Amino acid sequence: MLQNQFKKDDFWVMGLAVVLVLLVVLLWQLDHGRFYNPFV
């Protein structure tokens, strides 16, 4: 039970991390040069 729960938690954490990174990259790509440039 505990081991399975830990595995599920790790899977969810990795999945959420990947989704958050993809969302940030997509938003940055869409906003880059259109609304603002963070490097200026």
PDB file of N, CA and C in Angstrom:
ATOM      1  N   MET A   1       0.832  -1.206   0.000  1.00  0.00           N
ATOM      2  CA  MET A   1       0.000   0.000   0.000  1.00  0.00           C
ATOM      3  C   MET A   1       0.869   1.260   0.000  1.00  0.00           C
ATOM      4  N   LEU A   2       1.777   1.348   0.993  1.00  0.00           N
ATOM      5  CA  LEU A   2       2.614   2.540   1.091  1.00  0.00           C
ATOM      6  C   LEU A   2       3.511   2.673  -0.137  1.00  0.00           C
ATOM      7  N   GLN A   3       4.114   1.558  -0.552  1.00  0.00           N
ATOM      8  CA  GLN A   3       4.999   1.630  -1.711  1.00  0.00           C
ATOM      9  C   GLN A   3       4.215   2.047  -2.955  1.00  0.00           C
ATOM     10  N   ASN A   4       3.021   1.489  -3.139  1.00  0.00           N
ATOM     11  CA  ASN A   4       2.211   1.857  -4.299  1.00  0.00           C
ATOM     12  C   ASN A   4       1.829   3.333  -4.230  1.00  0.00           C
ATOM     13  N   GLN A   5       1.482   3.814  -3.042  1.00  0.00           N
ATOM     14  CA  GLN A   5       1.104   5.216  -2.879  1.00  0.00           C
ATOM     15  C   GLN A   5       2.292   6.120  -3.209  1.00  0.00           C
ATOM     16  N   PHE A   6       3.483   5.728  -2.739  1.00  0.00           N
ATOM     17  CA  PHE A   6       4.673   6.537  -3.029  1.00  0.00           C
ATOM     18  C   PHE A   6       4.924   6.570  -4.531  1.00  0.00           C
ATOM     19  N   LYS A   7       4.759   5.423  -5.192  1.00  0.00           N
ATOM     20  CA  LYS A   7       4.972   5.386  -6.635  1.00  0.00           C
ATOM     21  C   LYS A   7       3.971   6.297  -7.334  1.00  0.00           C
ATOM     22  N   LYS A   8       2.714   6.266  -6.898  1.00  0.00           N
ATOM     23  CA  LYS A   8       1.707   7.138  -7.508  1.00  0.00           C
ATOM     24  C   LYS A   8       2.064   8.596  -7.255  1.00  0.00           C
ATOM     25  N   ASP A   9       2.488   8.910  -6.049  1.00  0.00           N
ATOM     26  CA  ASP A   9       2.848  10.299  -5.736  1.00  0.00           C
ATOM     27  C   ASP A   9       4.001  10.753  -6.621  1.00  0.00           C
ATOM     28  N   ASP A  10       5.015   9.904  -6.775  1.00  0.00           N
ATOM     29  CA  ASP A  10       6.161  10.275  -7.608  1.00  0.00           C
ATOM     30  C   ASP A  10       5.704  10.491  -9.052  1.00  0.00           C
ATOM     31  N   PHE A  11       4.813   9.609  -9.534  1.00  0.00           N
ATOM     32  CA  PHE A  11       4.323   9.729 -10.909  1.00  0.00           C
ATOM     33  C   PHE A  11       3.574  11.045 -11.081  1.00  0.00           C
ATOM     34  N   TRP A  12       2.714  11.385 -10.104  1.00  0.00           N
ATOM     35  CA  TRP A  12       1.953  12.636 -10.195  1.00  0.00           C
ATOM     36  C   TRP A  12       2.882  13.837 -10.133  1.00  0.00           C
ATOM     37  N   VAL A  13       3.892  13.775  -9.244  1.00  0.00           N
ATOM     38  CA  VAL A  13       4.830  14.895  -9.111  1.00  0.00           C
ATOM     39  C   VAL A  13       5.588  15.098 -10.420  1.00  0.00           C
ATOM     40  N   MET A  14       6.070  14.008 -11.011  1.00  0.00           N
ATOM     41  CA  MET A  14       6.804  14.120 -12.277  1.00  0.00           C
ATOM     42  C   MET A  14       5.888  14.623 -13.381  1.00  0.00           C
ATOM     43  N   GLY A  15       4.669  14.108 -13.416  1.00  0.00           N
ATOM     44  CA  GLY A  15       3.717  14.519 -14.442  1.00  0.00           C
ATOM     45  C   GLY A  15       3.383  16.003 -14.328  1.00  0.00           C
ATOM     46  N   LEU A  16       3.113  16.449 -13.095  1.00  0.00           N
ATOM     47  CA  LEU A  16       2.793  17.861 -12.886  1.00  0.00           C
ATOM     48  C   LEU A  16       3.984  18.737 -13.247  1.00  0.00           C
ATOM     49  N   ALA A  17       5.191  18.297 -12.897  1.00  0.00           N
ATOM     50  CA  ALA A  17       6.395  19.078 -13.201  1.00  0.00           C
ATOM     51  C   ALA A  17       6.545  19.225 -14.717  1.00  0.00           C
ATOM     52  N   VAL A  18       6.359  18.140 -15.441  1.00  0.00           N
ATOM     53  CA  VAL A  18       6.490  18.184 -16.906  1.00  0.00           C
ATOM     54  C   VAL A  18       5.434  19.114 -17.501  1.00  0.00           C
ATOM     55  N   VAL A  19       4.191  18.998 -17.016  1.00  0.00           N
ATOM     56  CA  VAL A  19       3.105  19.841 -17.538  1.00  0.00           C
ATOM     57  C   VAL A  19       3.388  21.311 -17.250  1.00  0.00           C
ATOM     58  N   LEU A  20       3.854  21.608 -16.029  1.00  0.00           N
ATOM     59  CA  LEU A  20       4.147  22.999 -15.680  1.00  0.00           C
ATOM     60  C   LEU A  20       5.258  23.550 -16.558  1.00  0.00           C
ATOM     61  N   VAL A  21       6.298  22.753 -16.787  1.00  0.00           N
ATOM     62  CA  VAL A  21       7.411  23.209 -17.627  1.00  0.00           C
ATOM     63  C   VAL A  21       6.919  23.471 -19.049  1.00  0.00           C
ATOM     64  N   LEU A  22       6.112  22.553 -19.577  1.00  0.00           N
ATOM     65  CA  LEU A  22       5.601  22.737 -20.937  1.00  0.00           C
ATOM     66  C   LEU A  22       4.731  23.981 -21.031  1.00  0.00           C
ATOM     67  N   LEU A  23       3.886  24.201 -20.018  1.00  0.00           N
ATOM     68  CA  LEU A  23       3.026  25.389 -20.023  1.00  0.00           C
ATOM     69  C   LEU A  23       3.868  26.656 -19.982  1.00  0.00           C
ATOM     70  N   VAL A  24       4.887  26.675 -19.141  1.00  0.00           N
ATOM     71  CA  VAL A  24       5.745  27.857 -19.028  1.00  0.00           C
ATOM     72  C   VAL A  24       6.454  28.118 -20.354  1.00  0.00           C
ATOM     73  N   VAL A  25       6.968  27.051 -20.973  1.00  0.00           N
ATOM     74  CA  VAL A  25       7.664  27.209 -22.257  1.00  0.00           C
ATOM     75  C   VAL A  25       6.694  27.721 -23.327  1.00  0.00           C
ATOM     76  N   LEU A  26       5.499  27.148 -23.355  1.00  0.00           N
ATOM     77  CA  LEU A  26       4.521  27.586 -24.360  1.00  0.00           C
ATOM     78  C   LEU A  26       4.146  29.043 -24.141  1.00  0.00           C
ATOM     79  N   LEU A  27       3.853  29.410 -22.899  1.00  0.00           N
ATOM     80  CA  LEU A  27       3.473  30.792 -22.609  1.00  0.00           C
ATOM     81  C   LEU A  27       4.622  31.733 -22.939  1.00  0.00           C
ATOM     82  N   TRP A  28       5.870  31.321 -22.614  1.00  0.00           N
ATOM     83  CA  TRP A  28       7.023  32.184 -22.889  1.00  0.00           C
ATOM     84  C   TRP A  28       7.203  32.340 -24.389  1.00  0.00           C
ATOM     85  N   GLN A  29       7.032  31.252 -25.137  1.00  0.00           N
ATOM     86  CA  GLN A  29       7.185  31.321 -26.589  1.00  0.00           C
ATOM     87  C   GLN A  29       6.105  32.213 -27.195  1.00  0.00           C
ATOM     88  N   LEU A  30       4.869  32.100 -26.686  1.00  0.00           N
ATOM     89  CA  LEU A  30       3.778  32.917 -27.230  1.00  0.00           C
ATOM     90  C   LEU A  30       3.981  34.389 -26.889  1.00  0.00           C
ATOM     91  N   ASP A  31       4.435  34.659 -25.656  1.00  0.00           N
ATOM     92  CA  ASP A  31       4.591  36.047 -25.222  1.00  0.00           C
ATOM     93  C   ASP A  31       5.890  36.661 -25.730  1.00  0.00           C
ATOM     94  N   HIS A  32       6.875  35.844 -26.036  1.00  0.00           N
ATOM     95  CA  HIS A  32       8.186  36.351 -26.429  1.00  0.00           C
ATOM     96  C   HIS A  32       8.091  37.168 -27.719  1.00  0.00           C
ATOM     97  N   GLY A  33       8.452  38.441 -27.602  1.00  0.00           N
ATOM     98  CA  GLY A  33       8.458  39.306 -28.773  1.00  0.00           C
ATOM     99  C   GLY A  33       7.082  39.816 -29.152  1.00  0.00           C
ATOM    100  N   ARG A  34       6.028  39.326 -28.481  1.00  0.00           N
ATOM    101  CA  ARG A  34       4.686  39.793 -28.828  1.00  0.00           C
ATOM    102  C   ARG A  34       4.187  40.802 -27.798  1.00  0.00           C
ATOM    103  N   PHE A  35       4.283  40.439 -26.515  1.00  0.00           N
ATOM    104  CA  PHE A  35       3.819  41.349 -25.469  1.00  0.00           C
ATOM    105  C   PHE A  35       4.994  41.975 -24.724  1.00  0.00           C
ATOM    106  N   TYR A  36       6.053  41.185 -24.492  1.00  0.00           N
ATOM    107  CA  TYR A  36       7.207  41.726 -23.761  1.00  0.00           C
ATOM    108  C   TYR A  36       8.434  40.887 -24.065  1.00  0.00           C
ATOM    109  N   ASN A  37       9.597  41.466 -23.787  1.00  0.00           N
ATOM    110  CA  ASN A  37      10.847  40.733 -23.981  1.00  0.00           C
ATOM    111  C   ASN A  37      11.597  40.728 -22.652  1.00  0.00           C
ATOM    112  N   PRO A  38      11.644  39.582 -21.942  1.00  0.00           N
ATOM    113  CA  PRO A  38      12.244  39.527 -20.605  1.00  0.00           C
ATOM    114  C   PRO A  38      13.737  39.827 -20.597  1.00  0.00           C
ATOM    115  N   PHE A  39      14.381  39.796 -21.785  1.00  0.00           N
ATOM    116  CA  PHE A  39      15.833  39.998 -21.808  1.00  0.00           C
ATOM    117  C   PHE A  39      16.198  41.459 -22.060  1.00  0.00           C
ATOM    118  N   VAL A  40      15.196  42.309 -22.256  1.00  0.00           N
ATOM    119  CA  VAL A  40      15.492  43.731 -22.501  1.00  0.00           C
ATOM    120  C   VAL A  40      15.516  44.482 -21.170  1.00  0.00           C
TER     121      VAL A  40
END
